[in-house]
Amino acid sequence: MASVLFVLNDAPYGSERTYNGLRHAMAVTKQDGAEVKVFLTADATACAVAGQVTPDGYYSIESMLKGLLAKKSLVAL
């Protein structure tokens, strides 16, 4: 079993770093036996706030996190 840790520290919106980290985490969950851990620190803790208003032109970080949590391979830290 492979275990991958993604450490996110940027705000949910304003740059693509958090989006890309979550996108890569979703890709890893598609591998058989993969365990994905996502650690939100600093400004990235705002990604876990429910009821976010997604700015125009951005993907919903809240929806991406919910999608990852729905996968059985994700361990939320």
PDB file of N, CA and C in Angstrom:
ATOM      1  N   MET A   1       0.838  -1.167   0.000  1.00  0.00           N
ATOM      2  CA  MET A   1       0.000   0.000   0.000  1.00  0.00           C
ATOM      3  C   MET A   1       0.891   1.241   0.000  1.00  0.00           C
ATOM      4  N   ALA A   2       0.569   2.177  -0.861  1.00  0.00           N
ATOM      5  CA  ALA A   2       1.305   3.438  -0.921  1.00  0.00           C
ATOM      6  C   ALA A   2       0.582   4.481  -0.085  1.00  0.00           C
ATOM      7  N   SER A   3       1.344   5.268   0.654  1.00  0.00           N
ATOM      8  CA  SER A   3       0.781   6.343   1.450  1.00  0.00           C
ATOM      9  C   SER A   3       1.436   7.643   1.022  1.00  0.00           C
ATOM     10  N   VAL A   4       0.616   8.632   0.671  1.00  0.00           N
ATOM     11  CA  VAL A   4       1.129   9.909   0.192  1.00  0.00           C
ATOM     12  C   VAL A   4       0.548  11.032   1.048  1.00  0.00           C
ATOM     13  N   LEU A   5       1.410  11.919   1.496  1.00  0.00           N
ATOM     14  CA  LEU A   5       0.991  13.062   2.306  1.00  0.00           C
ATOM     15  C   LEU A   5       1.101  14.328   1.466  1.00  0.00           C
ATOM     16  N   PHE A   6       0.007  15.087   1.415  1.00  0.00           N
ATOM     17  CA  PHE A   6      -0.007  16.385   0.751  1.00  0.00           C
ATOM     18  C   PHE A   6      -0.118  17.452   1.837  1.00  0.00           C
ATOM     19  N   VAL A   7       0.843  18.354   1.894  1.00  0.00           N
ATOM     20  CA  VAL A   7       0.831  19.451   2.859  1.00  0.00           C
ATOM     21  C   VAL A   7       0.461  20.710   2.089  1.00  0.00           C
ATOM     22  N   LEU A   8      -0.677  21.282   2.436  1.00  0.00           N
ATOM     23  CA  LEU A   8      -1.159  22.491   1.769  1.00  0.00           C
ATOM     24  C   LEU A   8      -1.080  23.647   2.755  1.00  0.00           C
ATOM     25  N   ASN A   9      -0.533  24.785   2.304  1.00  0.00           N
ATOM     26  CA  ASN A   9      -0.406  25.920   3.213  1.00  0.00           C
ATOM     27  C   ASN A   9      -0.847  27.243   2.588  1.00  0.00           C
ATOM     28  N   ASP A  10      -1.382  27.222   1.377  1.00  0.00           N
ATOM     29  CA  ASP A  10      -1.872  28.442   0.747  1.00  0.00           C
ATOM     30  C   ASP A  10      -3.382  28.567   0.922  1.00  0.00           C
ATOM     31  N   ALA A  11      -3.860  29.795   0.855  1.00  0.00           N
ATOM     32  CA  ALA A  11      -5.295  30.064   0.964  1.00  0.00           C
ATOM     33  C   ALA A  11      -6.054  29.320  -0.140  1.00  0.00           C
ATOM     34  N   PRO A  12      -7.334  29.044   0.082  1.00  0.00           N
ATOM     35  CA  PRO A  12      -8.094  28.280  -0.916  1.00  0.00           C
ATOM     36  C   PRO A  12      -8.224  28.995  -2.257  1.00  0.00           C
ATOM     37  N   TYR A  13      -8.215  30.304  -2.244  1.00  0.00           N
ATOM     38  CA  TYR A  13      -8.365  31.052  -3.496  1.00  0.00           C
ATOM     39  C   TYR A  13      -7.304  32.137  -3.561  1.00  0.00           C
ATOM     40  N   GLY A  14      -6.943  32.531  -4.769  1.00  0.00           N
ATOM     41  CA  GLY A  14      -5.925  33.555  -4.956  1.00  0.00           C
ATOM     42  C   GLY A  14      -4.712  33.030  -5.692  1.00  0.00           C
ATOM     43  N   SER A  15      -4.475  31.730  -5.602  1.00  0.00           N
ATOM     44  CA  SER A  15      -3.430  31.073  -6.391  1.00  0.00           C
ATOM     45  C   SER A  15      -3.935  29.669  -6.728  1.00  0.00           C
ATOM     46  N   GLU A  16      -3.216  28.978  -7.547  1.00  0.00           N
ATOM     47  CA  GLU A  16      -3.637  27.631  -7.946  1.00  0.00           C
ATOM     48  C   GLU A  16      -2.937  26.533  -7.152  1.00  0.00           C
ATOM     49  N   ARG A  17      -2.113  26.893  -6.190  1.00  0.00           N
ATOM     50  CA  ARG A  17      -1.350  25.875  -5.458  1.00  0.00           C
ATOM     51  C   ARG A  17      -2.240  24.902  -4.699  1.00  0.00           C
ATOM     52  N   THR A  18      -3.214  25.418  -3.979  1.00  0.00           N
ATOM     53  CA  THR A  18      -4.104  24.536  -3.219  1.00  0.00           C
ATOM     54  C   THR A  18      -4.939  23.685  -4.155  1.00  0.00           C
ATOM     55  N   TYR A  19      -5.480  24.294  -5.195  1.00  0.00           N
ATOM     56  CA  TYR A  19      -6.262  23.552  -6.183  1.00  0.00           C
ATOM     57  C   TYR A  19      -5.425  22.427  -6.779  1.00  0.00           C
ATOM     58  N   ASN A  20      -4.201  22.725  -7.185  1.00  0.00           N
ATOM     59  CA  ASN A  20      -3.348  21.702  -7.789  1.00  0.00           C
ATOM     60  C   ASN A  20      -2.994  20.604  -6.800  1.00  0.00           C
ATOM     61  N   GLY A  21      -2.763  20.953  -5.541  1.00  0.00           N
ATOM     62  CA  GLY A  21      -2.482  19.933  -4.536  1.00  0.00           C
ATOM     63  C   GLY A  21      -3.647  18.979  -4.366  1.00  0.00           C
ATOM     64  N   LEU A  22      -4.865  19.531  -4.311  1.00  0.00           N
ATOM     65  CA  LEU A  22      -6.053  18.678  -4.172  1.00  0.00           C
ATOM     66  C   LEU A  22      -6.305  17.857  -5.438  1.00  0.00           C
ATOM     67  N   ARG A  23      -6.027  18.450  -6.584  1.00  0.00           N
ATOM     68  CA  ARG A  23      -6.193  17.724  -7.849  1.00  0.00           C
ATOM     69  C   ARG A  23      -5.237  16.531  -7.907  1.00  0.00           C
ATOM     70  N   HIS A  24      -4.014  16.734  -7.481  1.00  0.00           N
ATOM     71  CA  HIS A  24      -3.042  15.628  -7.453  1.00  0.00           C
ATOM     72  C   HIS A  24      -3.438  14.581  -6.418  1.00  0.00           C
ATOM     73  N   ALA A  25      -3.960  15.022  -5.285  1.00  0.00           N
ATOM     74  CA  ALA A  25      -4.420  14.070  -4.262  1.00  0.00           C
ATOM     75  C   ALA A  25      -5.536  13.198  -4.821  1.00  0.00           C
ATOM     76  N   MET A  26      -6.469  13.800  -5.565  1.00  0.00           N
ATOM     77  CA  MET A  26      -7.556  13.021  -6.167  1.00  0.00           C
ATOM     78  C   MET A  26      -7.014  12.010  -7.168  1.00  0.00           C
ATOM     79  N   ALA A  27      -5.993  12.390  -7.906  1.00  0.00           N
ATOM     80  CA  ALA A  27      -5.407  11.464  -8.880  1.00  0.00           C
ATOM     81  C   ALA A  27      -4.771  10.270  -8.180  1.00  0.00           C
ATOM     82  N   VAL A  28      -4.115  10.498  -7.057  1.00  0.00           N
ATOM     83  CA  VAL A  28      -3.468   9.402  -6.327  1.00  0.00           C
ATOM     84  C   VAL A  28      -4.510   8.440  -5.768  1.00  0.00           C
ATOM     85  N   THR A  29      -5.678   8.956  -5.348  1.00  0.00           N
ATOM     86  CA  THR A  29      -6.700   8.073  -4.780  1.00  0.00           C
ATOM     87  C   THR A  29      -7.221   7.062  -5.795  1.00  0.00           C
ATOM     88  N   LYS A  30      -6.997   7.308  -7.063  1.00  0.00           N
ATOM     89  CA  LYS A  30      -7.457   6.385  -8.102  1.00  0.00           C
ATOM     90  C   LYS A  30      -6.566   5.162  -8.237  1.00  0.00           C
ATOM     91  N   GLN A  31      -5.402   5.188  -7.591  1.00  0.00           N
ATOM     92  CA  GLN A  31      -4.500   4.040  -7.639  1.00  0.00           C
ATOM     93  C   GLN A  31      -4.938   3.023  -6.597  1.00  0.00           C
ATOM     94  N   ASP A  32      -4.910   1.751  -6.984  1.00  0.00           N
ATOM     95  CA  ASP A  32      -5.308   0.682  -6.066  1.00  0.00           C
ATOM     96  C   ASP A  32      -4.412   0.666  -4.830  1.00  0.00           C
ATOM     97  N   GLY A  33      -5.029   0.615  -3.668  1.00  0.00           N
ATOM     98  CA  GLY A  33      -4.290   0.494  -2.427  1.00  0.00           C
ATOM     99  C   GLY A  33      -3.634   1.773  -1.943  1.00  0.00           C
ATOM    100  N   ALA A  34      -3.918   2.892  -2.578  1.00  0.00           N
ATOM    101  CA  ALA A  34      -3.280   4.151  -2.182  1.00  0.00           C
ATOM    102  C   ALA A  34      -4.002   4.768  -0.996  1.00  0.00           C
ATOM    103  N   GLU A  35      -3.229   5.300  -0.090  1.00  0.00           N
ATOM    104  CA  GLU A  35      -3.771   6.042   1.042  1.00  0.00           C
ATOM    105  C   GLU A  35      -3.281   7.480   0.905  1.00  0.00           C
ATOM    106  N   VAL A  36      -4.203   8.416   0.936  1.00  0.00           N
ATOM    107  CA  VAL A  36      -3.866   9.834   0.774  1.00  0.00           C
ATOM    108  C   VAL A  36      -4.142  10.556   2.083  1.00  0.00           C
ATOM    109  N   LYS A  37      -3.175  11.338   2.507  1.00  0.00           N
ATOM    110  CA  LYS A  37      -3.335  12.177   3.685  1.00  0.00           C
ATOM    111  C   LYS A  37      -3.189  13.629   3.233  1.00  0.00           C
ATOM    112  N   VAL A  38      -4.075  14.486   3.713  1.00  0.00           N
ATOM    113  CA  VAL A  38      -4.026  15.910   3.391  1.00  0.00           C
ATOM    114  C   VAL A  38      -3.892  16.678   4.698  1.00  0.00           C
ATOM    115  N   PHE A  39      -2.839  17.447   4.804  1.00  0.00           N
ATOM    116  CA  PHE A  39      -2.587  18.260   5.991  1.00  0.00           C
ATOM    117  C   PHE A  39      -2.757  19.722   5.611  1.00  0.00           C
ATOM    118  N   LEU A  40      -3.732  20.386   6.218  1.00  0.00           N
ATOM    119  CA  LEU A  40      -3.989  21.804   5.965  1.00  0.00           C
ATOM    120  C   LEU A  40      -3.343  22.613   7.073  1.00  0.00           C
ATOM    121  N   THR A  41      -2.466  23.521   6.704  1.00  0.00           N
ATOM    122  CA  THR A  41      -1.790  24.355   7.684  1.00  0.00           C
ATOM    123  C   THR A  41      -1.796  25.807   7.216  1.00  0.00           C
ATOM    124  N   ALA A  42      -1.562  26.704   8.120  1.00  0.00           N
ATOM    125  CA  ALA A  42      -1.500  28.143   7.826  1.00  0.00           C
ATOM    126  C   ALA A  42      -2.780  28.588   7.112  1.00  0.00           C
ATOM    127  N   ASP A  43      -2.656  29.295   5.999  1.00  0.00           N
ATOM    128  CA  ASP A  43      -3.820  29.816   5.281  1.00  0.00           C
ATOM    129  C   ASP A  43      -4.710  28.725   4.695  1.00  0.00           C
ATOM    130  N   ALA A  44      -4.165  27.531   4.503  1.00  0.00           N
ATOM    131  CA  ALA A  44      -4.947  26.445   3.908  1.00  0.00           C
ATOM    132  C   ALA A  44      -6.028  25.925   4.855  1.00  0.00           C
ATOM    133  N   THR A  45      -5.960  26.264   6.136  1.00  0.00           N
ATOM    134  CA  THR A  45      -7.011  25.822   7.048  1.00  0.00           C
ATOM    135  C   THR A  45      -8.363  26.411   6.646  1.00  0.00           C
ATOM    136  N   ALA A  46      -8.357  27.523   5.937  1.00  0.00           N
ATOM    137  CA  ALA A  46      -9.603  28.118   5.451  1.00  0.00           C
ATOM    138  C   ALA A  46     -10.281  27.238   4.402  1.00  0.00           C
ATOM    139  N   CYS A  47      -9.568  26.289   3.843  1.00  0.00           N
ATOM    140  CA  CYS A  47     -10.162  25.364   2.861  1.00  0.00           C
ATOM    141  C   CYS A  47     -11.246  24.502   3.498  1.00  0.00           C
ATOM    142  N   ALA A  48     -11.147  24.277   4.791  1.00  0.00           N
ATOM    143  CA  ALA A  48     -12.082  23.386   5.490  1.00  0.00           C
ATOM    144  C   ALA A  48     -13.325  24.098   6.014  1.00  0.00           C
ATOM    145  N   VAL A  49     -13.461  25.381   5.731  1.00  0.00           N
ATOM    146  CA  VAL A  49     -14.625  26.134   6.185  1.00  0.00           C
ATOM    147  C   VAL A  49     -15.827  25.784   5.314  1.00  0.00           C
ATOM    148  N   ALA A  50     -16.923  25.372   5.944  1.00  0.00           N
ATOM    149  CA  ALA A  50     -18.139  25.012   5.204  1.00  0.00           C
ATOM    150  C   ALA A  50     -18.846  26.269   4.710  1.00  0.00           C
ATOM    151  N   GLY A  51     -19.534  26.144   3.581  1.00  0.00           N
ATOM    152  CA  GLY A  51     -20.336  27.235   3.050  1.00  0.00           C
ATOM    153  C   GLY A  51     -19.541  28.332   2.371  1.00  0.00           C
ATOM    154  N   GLN A  52     -18.392  27.977   1.820  1.00  0.00           N
ATOM    155  CA  GLN A  52     -17.563  28.958   1.142  1.00  0.00           C
ATOM    156  C   GLN A  52     -18.265  29.533  -0.079  1.00  0.00           C
ATOM    157  N   VAL A  53     -17.978  30.785  -0.367  1.00  0.00           N
ATOM    158  CA  VAL A  53     -18.434  31.398  -1.613  1.00  0.00           C
ATOM    159  C   VAL A  53     -17.263  31.322  -2.580  1.00  0.00           C
ATOM    160  N   THR A  54     -17.445  30.570  -3.644  1.00  0.00           N
ATOM    161  CA  THR A  54     -16.374  30.382  -4.615  1.00  0.00           C
ATOM    162  C   THR A  54     -16.309  31.589  -5.546  1.00  0.00           C
ATOM    163  N   PRO A  55     -15.157  32.249  -5.617  1.00  0.00           N
ATOM    164  CA  PRO A  55     -15.024  33.386  -6.527  1.00  0.00           C
ATOM    165  C   PRO A  55     -15.185  32.946  -7.983  1.00  0.00           C
ATOM    166  N   ASP A  56     -15.641  33.861  -8.822  1.00  0.00           N
ATOM    167  CA  ASP A  56     -15.783  33.564 -10.253  1.00  0.00           C
ATOM    168  C   ASP A  56     -14.440  33.128 -10.824  1.00  0.00           C
ATOM    169  N   GLY A  57     -14.480  32.082 -11.625  1.00  0.00           N
ATOM    170  CA  GLY A  57     -13.278  31.592 -12.283  1.00  0.00           C
ATOM    171  C   GLY A  57     -12.481  30.573 -11.495  1.00  0.00           C
ATOM    172  N   TYR A  58     -12.947  30.208 -10.310  1.00  0.00           N
ATOM    173  CA  TYR A  58     -12.245  29.234  -9.474  1.00  0.00           C
ATOM    174  C   TYR A  58     -13.096  27.982  -9.289  1.00  0.00           C
ATOM    175  N   TYR A  59     -12.426  26.866  -9.021  1.00  0.00           N
ATOM    176  CA  TYR A  59     -13.116  25.639  -8.648  1.00  0.00           C
ATOM    177  C   TYR A  59     -13.454  25.703  -7.167  1.00  0.00           C
ATOM    178  N   SER A  60     -14.486  25.003  -6.773  1.00  0.00           N
ATOM    179  CA  SER A  60     -14.881  24.980  -5.365  1.00  0.00           C
ATOM    180  C   SER A  60     -13.944  24.063  -4.580  1.00  0.00           C
ATOM    181  N   ILE A  61     -13.123  24.668  -3.755  1.00  0.00           N
ATOM    182  CA  ILE A  61     -12.203  23.901  -2.912  1.00  0.00           C
ATOM    183  C   ILE A  61     -12.985  23.057  -1.914  1.00  0.00           C
ATOM    184  N   GLU A  62     -14.081  23.606  -1.410  1.00  0.00           N
ATOM    185  CA  GLU A  62     -14.928  22.857  -0.477  1.00  0.00           C
ATOM    186  C   GLU A  62     -15.433  21.567  -1.128  1.00  0.00           C
ATOM    187  N   SER A  63     -15.890  21.644  -2.366  1.00  0.00           N
ATOM    188  CA  SER A  63     -16.376  20.456  -3.074  1.00  0.00           C
ATOM    189  C   SER A  63     -15.257  19.457  -3.312  1.00  0.00           C
ATOM    190  N   MET A  64     -14.072  19.964  -3.605  1.00  0.00           N
ATOM    191  CA  MET A  64     -12.934  19.065  -3.830  1.00  0.00           C
ATOM    192  C   MET A  64     -12.591  18.309  -2.547  1.00  0.00           C
ATOM    193  N   LEU A  65     -12.589  19.011  -1.419  1.00  0.00           N
ATOM    194  CA  LEU A  65     -12.304  18.347  -0.148  1.00  0.00           C
ATOM    195  C   LEU A  65     -13.380  17.325   0.204  1.00  0.00           C
ATOM    196  N   LYS A  66     -14.629  17.676  -0.031  1.00  0.00           N
ATOM    197  CA  LYS A  66     -15.719  16.733   0.240  1.00  0.00           C
ATOM    198  C   LYS A  66     -15.575  15.492  -0.639  1.00  0.00           C
ATOM    199  N   GLY A  67     -15.179  15.679  -1.882  1.00  0.00           N
ATOM    200  CA  GLY A  67     -14.954  14.548  -2.782  1.00  0.00           C
ATOM    201  C   GLY A  67     -13.845  13.648  -2.280  1.00  0.00           C
ATOM    202  N   LEU A  68     -12.778  14.254  -1.787  1.00  0.00           N
ATOM    203  CA  LEU A  68     -11.675  13.461  -1.234  1.00  0.00           C
ATOM    204  C   LEU A  68     -12.098  12.728   0.032  1.00  0.00           C
ATOM    205  N   LEU A  69     -12.869  13.391   0.874  1.00  0.00           N
ATOM    206  CA  LEU A  69     -13.328  12.743   2.104  1.00  0.00           C
ATOM    207  C   LEU A  69     -14.262  11.569   1.813  1.00  0.00           C
ATOM    208  N   ALA A  70     -14.982  11.644   0.702  1.00  0.00           N
ATOM    209  CA  ALA A  70     -15.890  10.555   0.347  1.00  0.00           C
ATOM    210  C   ALA A  70     -15.135   9.301  -0.083  1.00  0.00           C
ATOM    211  N   LYS A  71     -13.893   9.472  -0.483  1.00  0.00           N
ATOM    212  CA  LYS A  71     -13.079   8.313  -0.885  1.00  0.00           C
ATOM    213  C   LYS A  71     -12.552   7.634   0.359  1.00  0.00           C
ATOM    214  N   LYS A  72     -12.600   6.338   0.368  1.00  0.00           N
ATOM    215  CA  LYS A  72     -12.192   5.574   1.540  1.00  0.00           C
ATOM    216  C   LYS A  72     -10.681   5.599   1.768  1.00  0.00           C
ATOM    217  N   SER A  73      -9.923   6.064   0.766  1.00  0.00           N
ATOM    218  CA  SER A  73      -8.473   6.044   0.921  1.00  0.00           C
ATOM    219  C   SER A  73      -7.940   7.300   1.581  1.00  0.00           C
ATOM    220  N   LEU A  74      -8.779   8.292   1.853  1.00  0.00           N
ATOM    221  CA  LEU A  74      -8.314   9.559   2.416  1.00  0.00           C
ATOM    222  C   LEU A  74      -8.306   9.529   3.935  1.00  0.00           C
ATOM    223  N   VAL A  75      -7.228   9.984   4.478  1.00  0.00           N
ATOM    224  CA  VAL A  75      -7.135  10.169   5.916  1.00  0.00           C
ATOM    225  C   VAL A  75      -6.984  11.660   6.141  1.00  0.00           C
ATOM    226  N   ALA A  76      -7.940  12.286   6.787  1.00  0.00           N
ATOM    227  CA  ALA A  76      -7.880  13.720   7.054  1.00  0.00           C
ATOM    228  C   ALA A  76      -7.098  13.964   8.341  1.00  0.00           C
ATOM    229  N   LEU A  77      -6.161  14.862   8.294  1.00  0.00           N
ATOM    230  CA  LEU A  77      -5.352  15.188   9.471  1.00  0.00           C
ATOM    231  C   LEU A  77      -5.795  16.508  10.049  1.00  0.00           C
TER     232      LEU A  77
END
